[in-house]
C-alpha atoms as a PDB file:
ATOM      1  CA  UNK A   1      43.364 -32.994  82.340  1.00  0.00           C
ATOM      2  CA  UNK A   2      44.036 -30.749  79.537  1.00  0.00           C
ATOM      3  CA  UNK A   3      41.546 -32.731  77.213  1.00  0.00           C
ATOM      4  CA  UNK A   4      38.818 -32.137  79.929  1.00  0.00           C
ATOM      5  CA  UNK A   5      39.887 -28.193  80.394  1.00  0.00           C
ATOM      6  CA  UNK A   6      39.549 -27.449  77.186  1.00  0.00           C
ATOM      7  CA  UNK A   7      35.643 -29.558  76.304  1.00  0.00           C
ATOM      8  CA  UNK A   8      34.352 -28.004  79.592  1.00  0.00           C
ATOM      9  CA  UNK A   9      36.094 -24.531  78.164  1.00  0.00           C
ATOM     10  CA  UNK A  10      33.867 -24.873  74.809  1.00  0.00           C
ATOM     11  CA  UNK A  11      31.015 -25.365  76.513  1.00  0.00           C
ATOM     12  CA  UNK A  12      30.982 -22.476  77.824  1.00  0.00           C
ATOM     13  CA  UNK A  13      31.713 -21.175  74.308  1.00  0.00           C
ATOM     14  CA  UNK A  14      35.319 -19.947  74.582  1.00  0.00           C
ATOM     15  CA  UNK A  15      36.530 -22.345  71.900  1.00  0.00           C
ATOM     16  CA  UNK A  16      34.729 -24.367  69.177  1.00  0.00           C
ATOM     17  CA  UNK A  17      35.369 -27.804  68.924  1.00  0.00           C
ATOM     18  CA  UNK A  18      37.758 -27.599  65.392  1.00  0.00           C
ATOM     19  CA  UNK A  19      39.810 -25.053  67.657  1.00  0.00           C
ATOM     20  CA  UNK A  20      40.285 -27.468  70.502  1.00  0.00           C
ATOM     21  CA  UNK A  21      41.417 -30.216  68.215  1.00  0.00           C
ATOM     22  CA  UNK A  22      43.729 -27.588  66.587  1.00  0.00           C
ATOM     23  CA  UNK A  23      45.621 -26.975  69.929  1.00  0.00           C
ATOM     24  CA  UNK A  24      45.416 -30.819  71.029  1.00  0.00           C
ATOM     25  CA  UNK A  25      47.331 -31.424  67.542  1.00  0.00           C
ATOM     26  CA  UNK A  26      46.927 -34.458  66.021  1.00  0.00           C
ATOM     27  CA  UNK A  27      46.170 -37.631  68.693  1.00  0.00           C
ATOM     28  CA  UNK A  28      47.328 -41.172  67.660  1.00  0.00           C
ATOM     29  CA  UNK A  29      44.102 -42.497  68.377  1.00  0.00           C
ATOM     30  CA  UNK A  30      43.328 -46.313  67.008  1.00  0.00           C
ATOM     31  CA  UNK A  31      40.311 -47.095  65.562  1.00  0.00           C
ATOM     32  CA  UNK A  32      37.982 -46.162  62.533  1.00  0.00           C
ATOM     33  CA  UNK A  33      34.186 -44.450  61.422  1.00  0.00           C
ATOM     34  CA  UNK A  34      31.622 -45.738  59.468  1.00  0.00           C
ATOM     35  CA  UNK A  35      30.856 -42.019  57.971  1.00  0.00           C
ATOM     36  CA  UNK A  36      27.369 -41.746  55.962  1.00  0.00           C
ATOM     37  CA  UNK A  37      24.512 -39.880  55.277  1.00  0.00           C
ATOM     38  CA  UNK A  38      22.182 -39.309  52.056  1.00  0.00           C
ATOM     39  CA  UNK A  39      23.232 -39.620  48.468  1.00  0.00           C
ATOM     40  CA  UNK A  40      20.677 -37.087  47.099  1.00  0.00           C
ATOM     41  CA  UNK A  41      21.186 -39.748  44.194  1.00  0.00           C
ATOM     42  CA  UNK A  42      17.919 -40.432  41.738  1.00  0.00           C
ATOM     43  CA  UNK A  43      19.630 -43.714  40.562  1.00  0.00           C
ATOM     44  CA  UNK A  44      17.567 -46.723  40.534  1.00  0.00           C
ATOM     45  CA  UNK A  45      20.040 -49.256  39.882  1.00  0.00           C
ATOM     46  CA  UNK A  46      21.514 -50.674  43.685  1.00  0.00           C
ATOM     47  CA  UNK A  47      25.586 -50.420  41.709  1.00  0.00           C
ATOM     48  CA  UNK A  48      24.599 -46.903  40.944  1.00  0.00           C
ATOM     49  CA  UNK A  49      23.319 -46.035  44.385  1.00  0.00           C
ATOM     50  CA  UNK A  50      26.141 -48.125  46.478  1.00  0.00           C
ATOM     51  CA  UNK A  51      28.880 -45.849  44.370  1.00  0.00           C
ATOM     52  CA  UNK A  52      26.802 -42.383  44.346  1.00  0.00           C
ATOM     53  CA  UNK A  53      27.744 -43.138  48.566  1.00  0.00           C
ATOM     54  CA  UNK A  54      31.356 -44.363  47.816  1.00  0.00           C
ATOM     55  CA  UNK A  55      32.130 -41.022  45.687  1.00  0.00           C
ATOM     56  CA  UNK A  56      30.804 -38.937  48.469  1.00  0.00           C
ATOM     57  CA  UNK A  57      33.004 -40.618  50.981  1.00  0.00           C
ATOM     58  CA  UNK A  58      30.404 -42.201  52.195  1.00  0.00           C
ATOM     59  CA  UNK A  59      30.977 -46.243  53.775  1.00  0.00           C
ATOM     60  CA  UNK A  60      27.112 -46.134  55.605  1.00  0.00           C
ATOM     61  CA  UNK A  61      23.867 -45.340  54.422  1.00  0.00           C
ATOM     62  CA  UNK A  62      20.567 -45.459  55.305  1.00  0.00           C
ATOM     63  CA  UNK A  63      18.525 -48.282  53.614  1.00  0.00           C
ATOM     64  CA  UNK A  64      17.133 -47.001  50.125  1.00  0.00           C
ATOM     65  CA  UNK A  65      13.831 -47.229  49.425  1.00  0.00           C
ATOM     66  CA  UNK A  66      12.129 -50.970  49.066  1.00  0.00           C
ATOM     67  CA  UNK A  67       9.508 -52.829  48.840  1.00  0.00           C
ATOM     68  CA  UNK A  68       9.985 -55.869  51.694  1.00  0.00           C
ATOM     69  CA  UNK A  69       7.945 -58.289  48.824  1.00  0.00           C
ATOM     70  CA  UNK A  70      10.749 -56.929  46.182  1.00  0.00           C
ATOM     71  CA  UNK A  71      13.176 -60.080  46.826  1.00  0.00           C
ATOM     72  CA  UNK A  72      15.360 -59.713  43.751  1.00  0.00           C
ATOM     73  CA  UNK A  73      15.803 -55.775  44.294  1.00  0.00           C
ATOM     74  CA  UNK A  74      16.612 -56.551  47.995  1.00  0.00           C
ATOM     75  CA  UNK A  75      19.605 -58.723  47.084  1.00  0.00           C
ATOM     76  CA  UNK A  76      20.395 -56.703  44.491  1.00  0.00           C
ATOM     77  CA  UNK A  77      21.032 -53.887  47.072  1.00  0.00           C
ATOM     78  CA  UNK A  78      22.619 -55.854  49.414  1.00  0.00           C
ATOM     79  CA  UNK A  79      25.048 -57.422  46.959  1.00  0.00           C
ATOM     80  CA  UNK A  80      25.985 -53.859  45.469  1.00  0.00           C
ATOM     81  CA  UNK A  81      26.343 -51.492  48.841  1.00  0.00           C
ATOM     82  CA  UNK A  82      28.311 -54.948  50.082  1.00  0.00           C
ATOM     83  CA  UNK A  83      30.635 -54.989  46.792  1.00  0.00           C
ATOM     84  CA  UNK A  84      31.630 -51.506  47.493  1.00  0.00           C
ATOM     85  CA  UNK A  85      32.343 -51.671  51.367  1.00  0.00           C
ATOM     86  CA  UNK A  86      29.027 -49.189  51.655  1.00  0.00           C
ATOM     87  CA  UNK A  87      27.059 -50.718  54.907  1.00  0.00           C
ATOM     88  CA  UNK A  88      23.646 -50.281  55.163  1.00  0.00           C
ATOM     89  CA  UNK A  89      23.029 -48.774  58.327  1.00  0.00           C
ATOM     90  CA  UNK A  90      19.526 -48.424  59.303  1.00  0.00           C
ATOM     91  CA  UNK A  91      15.680 -48.528  57.698  1.00  0.00           C
ATOM     92  CA  UNK A  92      14.041 -46.301  59.584  1.00  0.00           C
ATOM     93  CA  UNK A  93      10.402 -46.357  60.699  1.00  0.00           C
ATOM     94  CA  UNK A  94       9.285 -43.229  62.508  1.00  0.00           C
ATOM     95  CA  UNK A  95       5.599 -43.978  63.624  1.00  0.00           C
ATOM     96  CA  UNK A  96       3.970 -43.632  67.046  1.00  0.00           C
ATOM     97  CA  UNK A  97       4.008 -47.209  68.588  1.00  0.00           C
ATOM     98  CA  UNK A  98       1.602 -46.082  71.194  1.00  0.00           C
ATOM     99  CA  UNK A  99      -0.874 -44.291  69.037  1.00  0.00           C
ATOM    100  CA  UNK A 100      -3.843 -43.185  70.572  1.00  0.00           C
ATOM    101  CA  UNK A 101      -6.419 -44.806  67.890  1.00  0.00           C
ATOM    102  CA  UNK A 102      -6.241 -48.847  68.074  1.00  0.00           C
ATOM    103  CA  UNK A 103      -6.398 -49.419  64.466  1.00  0.00           C
ATOM    104  CA  UNK A 104      -3.708 -46.455  63.876  1.00  0.00           C
ATOM    105  CA  UNK A 105      -1.237 -48.317  66.394  1.00  0.00           C
ATOM    106  CA  UNK A 106      -2.187 -51.633  65.072  1.00  0.00           C
ATOM    107  CA  UNK A 107      -1.163 -50.409  61.264  1.00  0.00           C
ATOM    108  CA  UNK A 108       1.562 -48.968  62.980  1.00  0.00           C
ATOM    109  CA  UNK A 109       3.350 -52.092  64.570  1.00  0.00           C
ATOM    110  CA  UNK A 110       2.861 -53.452  61.484  1.00  0.00           C
ATOM    111  CA  UNK A 111       4.647 -51.355  59.754  1.00  0.00           C
ATOM    112  CA  UNK A 112       7.709 -51.770  62.240  1.00  0.00           C
ATOM    113  CA  UNK A 113       7.736 -55.618  61.570  1.00  0.00           C
ATOM    114  CA  UNK A 114       7.704 -55.207  58.133  1.00  0.00           C
ATOM    115  CA  UNK A 115      10.864 -52.812  58.741  1.00  0.00           C
ATOM    116  CA  UNK A 116      12.539 -54.926  60.690  1.00  0.00           C
ATOM    117  CA  UNK A 117      12.205 -57.791  58.231  1.00  0.00           C
ATOM    118  CA  UNK A 118      13.408 -55.548  54.906  1.00  0.00           C
ATOM    119  CA  UNK A 119      16.738 -55.149  57.352  1.00  0.00           C
ATOM    120  CA  UNK A 120      17.053 -58.559  58.270  1.00  0.00           C
ATOM    121  CA  UNK A 121      16.859 -59.257  54.210  1.00  0.00           C
ATOM    122  CA  UNK A 122      18.851 -56.293  53.324  1.00  0.00           C
ATOM    123  CA  UNK A 123      21.531 -56.497  55.809  1.00  0.00           C
ATOM    124  CA  UNK A 124      21.409 -53.445  57.879  1.00  0.00           C
ATOM    125  CA  UNK A 125      22.639 -53.036  60.845  1.00  0.00           C
ATOM    126  CA  UNK A 126      19.107 -52.596  62.964  1.00  0.00           C
ATOM    127  CA  UNK A 127      15.381 -51.128  62.407  1.00  0.00           C
ATOM    128  CA  UNK A 128      14.700 -47.869  64.630  1.00  0.00           C
ATOM    129  CA  UNK A 129      11.540 -46.078  65.702  1.00  0.00           C
ATOM    130  CA  UNK A 130      11.354 -44.348  68.813  1.00  0.00           C
ATOM    131  CA  UNK A 131       9.150 -46.325  71.844  1.00  0.00           C
ATOM    132  CA  UNK A 132       6.410 -43.610  70.585  1.00  0.00           C
ATOM    133  CA  UNK A 133       4.184 -41.373  72.640  1.00  0.00           C
ATOM    134  CA  UNK A 134       0.589 -40.973  74.576  1.00  0.00           C
ATOM    135  CA  UNK A 135       0.639 -37.339  72.780  1.00  0.00           C
ATOM    136  CA  UNK A 136      -2.316 -37.425  70.875  1.00  0.00           C
ATOM    137  CA  UNK A 137      -1.191 -34.204  68.815  1.00  0.00           C
ATOM    138  CA  UNK A 138       2.284 -34.819  67.627  1.00  0.00           C
ATOM    139  CA  UNK A 139       3.093 -38.504  67.611  1.00  0.00           C
ATOM    140  CA  UNK A 140       6.800 -38.187  68.742  1.00  0.00           C
ATOM    141  CA  UNK A 141       5.660 -35.085  71.121  1.00  0.00           C
ATOM    142  CA  UNK A 142       5.591 -35.228  75.075  1.00  0.00           C
ATOM    143  CA  UNK A 143       3.155 -36.120  77.815  1.00  0.00           C
ATOM    144  CA  UNK A 144       3.691 -36.953  81.259  1.00  0.00           C
ATOM    145  CA  UNK A 145       3.020 -40.508  81.156  1.00  0.00           C
ATOM    146  CA  UNK A 146       5.636 -41.445  78.510  1.00  0.00           C
ATOM    147  CA  UNK A 147       8.103 -41.435  81.794  1.00  0.00           C
ATOM    148  CA  UNK A 148       5.660 -43.994  83.687  1.00  0.00           C
ATOM    149  CA  UNK A 149       6.310 -47.539  84.494  1.00  0.00           C
ATOM    150  CA  UNK A 150       3.101 -48.181  81.777  1.00  0.00           C
ATOM    151  CA  UNK A 151       5.166 -46.404  78.788  1.00  0.00           C
ATOM    152  CA  UNK A 152       8.270 -48.687  79.711  1.00  0.00           C
ATOM    153  CA  UNK A 153       5.599 -51.632  80.013  1.00  0.00           C
ATOM    154  CA  UNK A 154       4.027 -50.909  76.662  1.00  0.00           C
ATOM    155  CA  UNK A 155       8.150 -50.427  75.062  1.00  0.00           C
ATOM    156  CA  UNK A 156       8.920 -54.033  76.283  1.00  0.00           C
ATOM    157  CA  UNK A 157       6.093 -55.159  74.858  1.00  0.00           C
ATOM    158  CA  UNK A 158       5.886 -53.967  71.844  1.00  0.00           C
ATOM    159  CA  UNK A 159       9.992 -54.533  71.221  1.00  0.00           C
ATOM    160  CA  UNK A 160       9.706 -58.185  71.992  1.00  0.00           C
ATOM    161  CA  UNK A 161       6.299 -58.802  69.880  1.00  0.00           C
ATOM    162  CA  UNK A 162       8.372 -56.848  66.816  1.00  0.00           C
ATOM    163  CA  UNK A 163      11.252 -59.109  67.301  1.00  0.00           C
ATOM    164  CA  UNK A 164       9.283 -62.175  68.437  1.00  0.00           C
ATOM    165  CA  UNK A 165       7.754 -61.987  64.629  1.00  0.00           C
ATOM    166  CA  UNK A 166      10.927 -61.832  62.299  1.00  0.00           C
ATOM    167  CA  UNK A 167      13.057 -63.005  64.548  1.00  0.00           C
ATOM    168  CA  UNK A 168      16.582 -61.840  63.195  1.00  0.00           C
ATOM    169  CA  UNK A 169      19.868 -63.255  62.679  1.00  0.00           C
ATOM    170  CA  UNK A 170      21.759 -60.678  61.494  1.00  0.00           C
ATOM    171  CA  UNK A 171      20.234 -57.332  62.172  1.00  0.00           C
ATOM    172  CA  UNK A 172      18.643 -55.517  65.624  1.00  0.00           C
ATOM    173  CA  UNK A 173      15.726 -53.684  66.265  1.00  0.00           C
ATOM    174  CA  UNK A 174      16.518 -50.298  68.491  1.00  0.00           C
ATOM    175  CA  UNK A 175      14.630 -47.229  69.743  1.00  0.00           C
ATOM    176  CA  UNK A 176      16.109 -44.213  69.476  1.00  0.00           C
ATOM    177  CA  UNK A 177      16.617 -42.563  72.930  1.00  0.00           C
ATOM    178  CA  UNK A 178      14.188 -39.160  73.391  1.00  0.00           C
ATOM    179  CA  UNK A 179      14.223 -36.488  76.128  1.00  0.00           C
ATOM    180  CA  UNK A 180      10.594 -36.378  76.778  1.00  0.00           C
ATOM    181  CA  UNK A 181      10.197 -40.222  76.427  1.00  0.00           C
ATOM    182  CA  UNK A 182      11.599 -43.318  77.836  1.00  0.00           C
ATOM    183  CA  UNK A 183      14.480 -44.774  77.342  1.00  0.00           C
ATOM    184  CA  UNK A 184      15.669 -40.943  78.288  1.00  0.00           C
ATOM    185  CA  UNK A 185      19.079 -42.057  79.536  1.00  0.00           C
ATOM    186  CA  UNK A 186      21.821 -45.118  79.638  1.00  0.00           C
ATOM    187  CA  UNK A 187      20.299 -45.873  82.700  1.00  0.00           C
ATOM    188  CA  UNK A 188      16.496 -46.582  81.679  1.00  0.00           C
ATOM    189  CA  UNK A 189      18.329 -48.167  78.169  1.00  0.00           C
ATOM    190  CA  UNK A 190      19.800 -50.706  80.244  1.00  0.00           C
ATOM    191  CA  UNK A 191      17.174 -51.398  82.315  1.00  0.00           C
ATOM    192  CA  UNK A 192      15.100 -51.440  79.052  1.00  0.00           C
ATOM    193  CA  UNK A 193      17.081 -53.832  77.378  1.00  0.00           C
ATOM    194  CA  UNK A 194      17.270 -56.641  80.336  1.00  0.00           C
ATOM    195  CA  UNK A 195      13.260 -56.435  80.364  1.00  0.00           C
ATOM    196  CA  UNK A 196      13.090 -57.177  76.831  1.00  0.00           C
ATOM    197  CA  UNK A 197      15.386 -60.007  76.800  1.00  0.00           C
ATOM    198  CA  UNK A 198      16.152 -60.479  73.414  1.00  0.00           C
ATOM    199  CA  UNK A 199      19.613 -60.844  71.445  1.00  0.00           C
ATOM    200  CA  UNK A 200      17.784 -58.990  68.800  1.00  0.00           C
ATOM    201  CA  UNK A 201      16.939 -56.132  71.111  1.00  0.00           C
ATOM    202  CA  UNK A 202      20.196 -53.249  70.384  1.00  0.00           C
ATOM    203  CA  UNK A 203      20.740 -49.337  71.151  1.00  0.00           C
ATOM    204  CA  UNK A 204      20.920 -46.648  68.800  1.00  0.00           C
ATOM    205  CA  UNK A 205      22.546 -43.949  70.032  1.00  0.00           C
ATOM    206  CA  UNK A 206      22.338 -39.906  69.281  1.00  0.00           C
ATOM    207  CA  UNK A 207      23.429 -37.749  72.105  1.00  0.00           C
ATOM    208  CA  UNK A 208      22.020 -34.648  71.056  1.00  0.00           C
ATOM    209  CA  UNK A 209      18.411 -36.615  72.110  1.00  0.00           C
ATOM    210  CA  UNK A 210      19.063 -36.855  75.502  1.00  0.00           C
ATOM    211  CA  UNK A 211      20.387 -33.569  76.286  1.00  0.00           C
ATOM    212  CA  UNK A 212      17.245 -32.291  77.905  1.00  0.00           C
ATOM    213  CA  UNK A 213      18.654 -30.157  80.901  1.00  0.00           C
ATOM    214  CA  UNK A 214      21.555 -27.030  81.510  1.00  0.00           C
ATOM    215  CA  UNK A 215      23.658 -29.865  83.235  1.00  0.00           C
ATOM    216  CA  UNK A 216      23.518 -32.038  79.918  1.00  0.00           C
ATOM    217  CA  UNK A 217      24.452 -29.183  77.421  1.00  0.00           C
ATOM    218  CA  UNK A 218      27.457 -28.314  79.375  1.00  0.00           C
ATOM    219  CA  UNK A 219      28.285 -31.682  80.819  1.00  0.00           C
ATOM    220  CA  UNK A 220      27.646 -33.539  77.341  1.00  0.00           C
ATOM    221  CA  UNK A 221      31.256 -35.179  77.377  1.00  0.00           C
ATOM    222  CA  UNK A 222      30.355 -36.888  80.422  1.00  0.00           C
ATOM    223  CA  UNK A 223      26.971 -37.972  79.356  1.00  0.00           C
ATOM    224  CA  UNK A 224      28.435 -39.467  75.871  1.00  0.00           C
ATOM    225  CA  UNK A 225      31.184 -41.368  78.028  1.00  0.00           C
ATOM    226  CA  UNK A 226      28.279 -42.966  80.572  1.00  0.00           C
ATOM    227  CA  UNK A 227      26.229 -43.907  77.509  1.00  0.00           C
ATOM    228  CA  UNK A 228      29.366 -45.909  75.800  1.00  0.00           C
ATOM    229  CA  UNK A 229      30.128 -47.101  79.333  1.00  0.00           C
ATOM    230  CA  UNK A 230      26.948 -48.305  79.864  1.00  0.00           C
ATOM    231  CA  UNK A 231      25.395 -49.277  76.521  1.00  0.00           C
ATOM    232  CA  UNK A 232      28.571 -49.894  74.471  1.00  0.00           C
ATOM    233  CA  UNK A 233      28.372 -53.632  72.949  1.00  0.00           C
ATOM    234  CA  UNK A 234      24.707 -53.217  72.303  1.00  0.00           C
ATOM    235  CA  UNK A 235      25.100 -49.743  69.975  1.00  0.00           C
ATOM    236  CA  UNK A 236      24.128 -50.802  66.737  1.00  0.00           C
ATOM    237  CA  UNK A 237      23.891 -47.246  64.745  1.00  0.00           C
ATOM    238  CA  UNK A 238      24.366 -43.563  65.580  1.00  0.00           C
ATOM    239  CA  UNK A 239      23.209 -40.108  64.061  1.00  0.00           C
ATOM    240  CA  UNK A 240      25.609 -37.063  64.198  1.00  0.00           C
ATOM    241  CA  UNK A 241      24.317 -33.749  64.369  1.00  0.00           C
ATOM    242  CA  UNK A 242      24.820 -30.431  66.806  1.00  0.00           C
ATOM    243  CA  UNK A 243      23.060 -28.280  69.853  1.00  0.00           C
ATOM    244  CA  UNK A 244      22.895 -24.950  70.286  1.00  0.00           C
ATOM    245  CA  UNK A 245      21.819 -22.544  72.686  1.00  0.00           C
ATOM    246  CA  UNK A 246      19.491 -20.257  71.539  1.00  0.00           C
ATOM    247  CA  UNK A 247      18.849 -17.463  74.650  1.00  0.00           C
ATOM    248  CA  UNK A 248      15.681 -16.488  76.171  1.00  0.00           C
ATOM    249  CA  UNK A 249      13.228 -16.717  78.585  1.00  0.00           C
ATOM    250  CA  UNK A 250      13.455 -19.964  78.851  1.00  0.00           C
ATOM    251  CA  UNK A 251      15.508 -23.130  77.728  1.00  0.00           C
ATOM    252  CA  UNK A 252      15.855 -23.481  73.894  1.00  0.00           C
ATOM    253  CA  UNK A 253      18.018 -25.803  72.686  1.00  0.00           C
ATOM    254  CA  UNK A 254      18.107 -26.341  68.634  1.00  0.00           C
ATOM    255  CA  UNK A 255      19.529 -28.339  66.683  1.00  0.00           C
ATOM    256  CA  UNK A 256      22.083 -27.441  64.302  1.00  0.00           C
ATOM    257  CA  UNK A 257      25.110 -28.812  61.664  1.00  0.00           C
ATOM    258  CA  UNK A 258      27.482 -30.990  63.278  1.00  0.00           C
ATOM    259  CA  UNK A 259      30.638 -28.142  64.488  1.00  0.00           C
ATOM    260  CA  UNK A 260      28.076 -25.300  64.950  1.00  0.00           C
ATOM    261  CA  UNK A 261      26.813 -26.373  68.237  1.00  0.00           C
ATOM    262  CA  UNK A 262      28.949 -27.680  71.809  1.00  0.00           C
ATOM    263  CA  UNK A 263      28.514 -30.870  71.645  1.00  0.00           C
ATOM    264  CA  UNK A 264      31.720 -33.041  73.062  1.00  0.00           C
ATOM    265  CA  UNK A 265      32.637 -34.407  69.161  1.00  0.00           C
ATOM    266  CA  UNK A 266      35.849 -34.901  70.169  1.00  0.00           C
ATOM    267  CA  UNK A 267      34.487 -37.529  72.742  1.00  0.00           C
ATOM    268  CA  UNK A 268      32.270 -38.765  70.484  1.00  0.00           C
ATOM    269  CA  UNK A 269      34.381 -39.745  67.960  1.00  0.00           C
ATOM    270  CA  UNK A 270      36.661 -41.650  70.020  1.00  0.00           C
ATOM    271  CA  UNK A 271      33.942 -43.734  72.006  1.00  0.00           C
ATOM    272  CA  UNK A 272      32.807 -44.693  68.609  1.00  0.00           C
ATOM    273  CA  UNK A 273      35.807 -45.228  66.941  1.00  0.00           C
ATOM    274  CA  UNK A 274      36.671 -47.641  69.910  1.00  0.00           C
ATOM    275  CA  UNK A 275      33.730 -49.687  69.184  1.00  0.00           C
ATOM    276  CA  UNK A 276      34.708 -53.089  67.819  1.00  0.00           C
ATOM    277  CA  UNK A 277      31.079 -53.521  66.494  1.00  0.00           C
ATOM    278  CA  UNK A 278      32.061 -50.019  64.315  1.00  0.00           C
ATOM    279  CA  UNK A 279      28.545 -48.810  64.569  1.00  0.00           C
ATOM    280  CA  UNK A 280      27.690 -46.664  61.473  1.00  0.00           C
ATOM    281  CA  UNK A 281      27.526 -42.204  62.206  1.00  0.00           C
ATOM    282  CA  UNK A 282      24.517 -41.207  60.134  1.00  0.00           C
ATOM    283  CA  UNK A 283      24.492 -37.458  59.554  1.00  0.00           C
ATOM    284  CA  UNK A 284      21.086 -36.253  59.491  1.00  0.00           C
ATOM    285  CA  UNK A 285      18.172 -33.304  59.771  1.00  0.00           C
ATOM    286  CA  UNK A 286      19.862 -31.275  57.462  1.00  0.00           C
ATOM    287  CA  UNK A 287      17.773 -29.613  54.731  1.00  0.00           C
ATOM    288  CA  UNK A 288      20.534 -29.981  51.306  1.00  0.00           C
ATOM    289  CA  UNK A 289      23.415 -31.424  49.497  1.00  0.00           C
ATOM    290  CA  UNK A 290      25.495 -28.950  50.562  1.00  0.00           C
ATOM    291  CA  UNK A 291      24.740 -28.905  54.183  1.00  0.00           C
ATOM    292  CA  UNK A 292      25.264 -32.226  54.465  1.00  0.00           C
ATOM    293  CA  UNK A 293      28.885 -32.246  52.078  1.00  0.00           C
ATOM    294  CA  UNK A 294      30.028 -29.610  55.068  1.00  0.00           C
ATOM    295  CA  UNK A 295      29.531 -31.172  57.932  1.00  0.00           C
ATOM    296  CA  UNK A 296      30.540 -34.029  56.414  1.00  0.00           C
ATOM    297  CA  UNK A 297      33.796 -32.477  55.880  1.00  0.00           C
ATOM    298  CA  UNK A 298      33.967 -30.837  59.522  1.00  0.00           C
ATOM    299  CA  UNK A 299      33.976 -34.407  61.009  1.00  0.00           C
ATOM    300  CA  UNK A 300      36.633 -36.111  58.675  1.00  0.00           C
ATOM    301  CA  UNK A 301      38.967 -33.228  59.178  1.00  0.00           C
ATOM    302  CA  UNK A 302      38.129 -33.781  63.052  1.00  0.00           C
ATOM    303  CA  UNK A 303      38.477 -37.560  62.182  1.00  0.00           C
ATOM    304  CA  UNK A 304      41.872 -36.844  60.731  1.00  0.00           C
ATOM    305  CA  UNK A 305      43.638 -34.321  64.083  1.00  0.00           C
ATOM    306  CA  UNK A 306      42.173 -37.471  66.158  1.00  0.00           C
ATOM    307  CA  UNK A 307      43.802 -40.006  64.085  1.00  0.00           C
ATOM    308  CA  UNK A 308      40.627 -41.727  63.350  1.00  0.00           C
ATOM    309  CA  UNK A 309      40.377 -43.293  59.905  1.00  0.00           C
ATOM    310  CA  UNK A 310      36.917 -42.539  57.494  1.00  0.00           C
END
């Protein structure tokens, strides 16, 4: 009861997440989180790259740049990161699988197939993309048909094609949930999991992407709980960012660094730490190394207050 009360006050902007954690004091919470982010290292050597992440306090990483046909480098990366206990969280393939141009759509499909093959080879937890968009001007932009049955069926068919082309045994293919395209909720993702019907189809979780209304903004802790309650066993990798509300004549949520917005990170971190598969938590969308360092320290300190190992 006390925790929920503090979280509601936080949503109203009365106190910050950090203040709430201080008020609660250290909590006996078991579990750990593999926090990760970009290392900003220019090293080419896989060993140096892995150590660069470890020196920053990361135990997870985005997949380094490597070509699918460079099997020797892929093996070296896989071995170096495993040696230093740094999980390669995800291979991002941010393209529009529903592009209006048939040739571009075909090329994008192959990029994602190659991305999943790379994730399998390098030992990454997943390859991730959004399901796509029917927007002709912005590849990830809104469109009324992005919430349609036609979109759902196309997303299911694409996921099956990508997975069946690679037949991965270790990694997963995931869609990242979006606020204006399916899957746009835990329920729609659960429905998609059942429709795709492939063991290699997983869940990529970014709660900020689901906040598309004032009710979701103010009750985002409840939304986070719903994600873990319904999708927990399939979650393979997660993103870490925060949201603030810029007050103007319409609803405008803006991404900010963790700790500078109103996302319920206490609930997020507690639920994530309890996952037996240890999905990595990856910082993203910050502009420079100093911002990543500040965001990292905020999460590490909050985890320490909650009794969570990082």
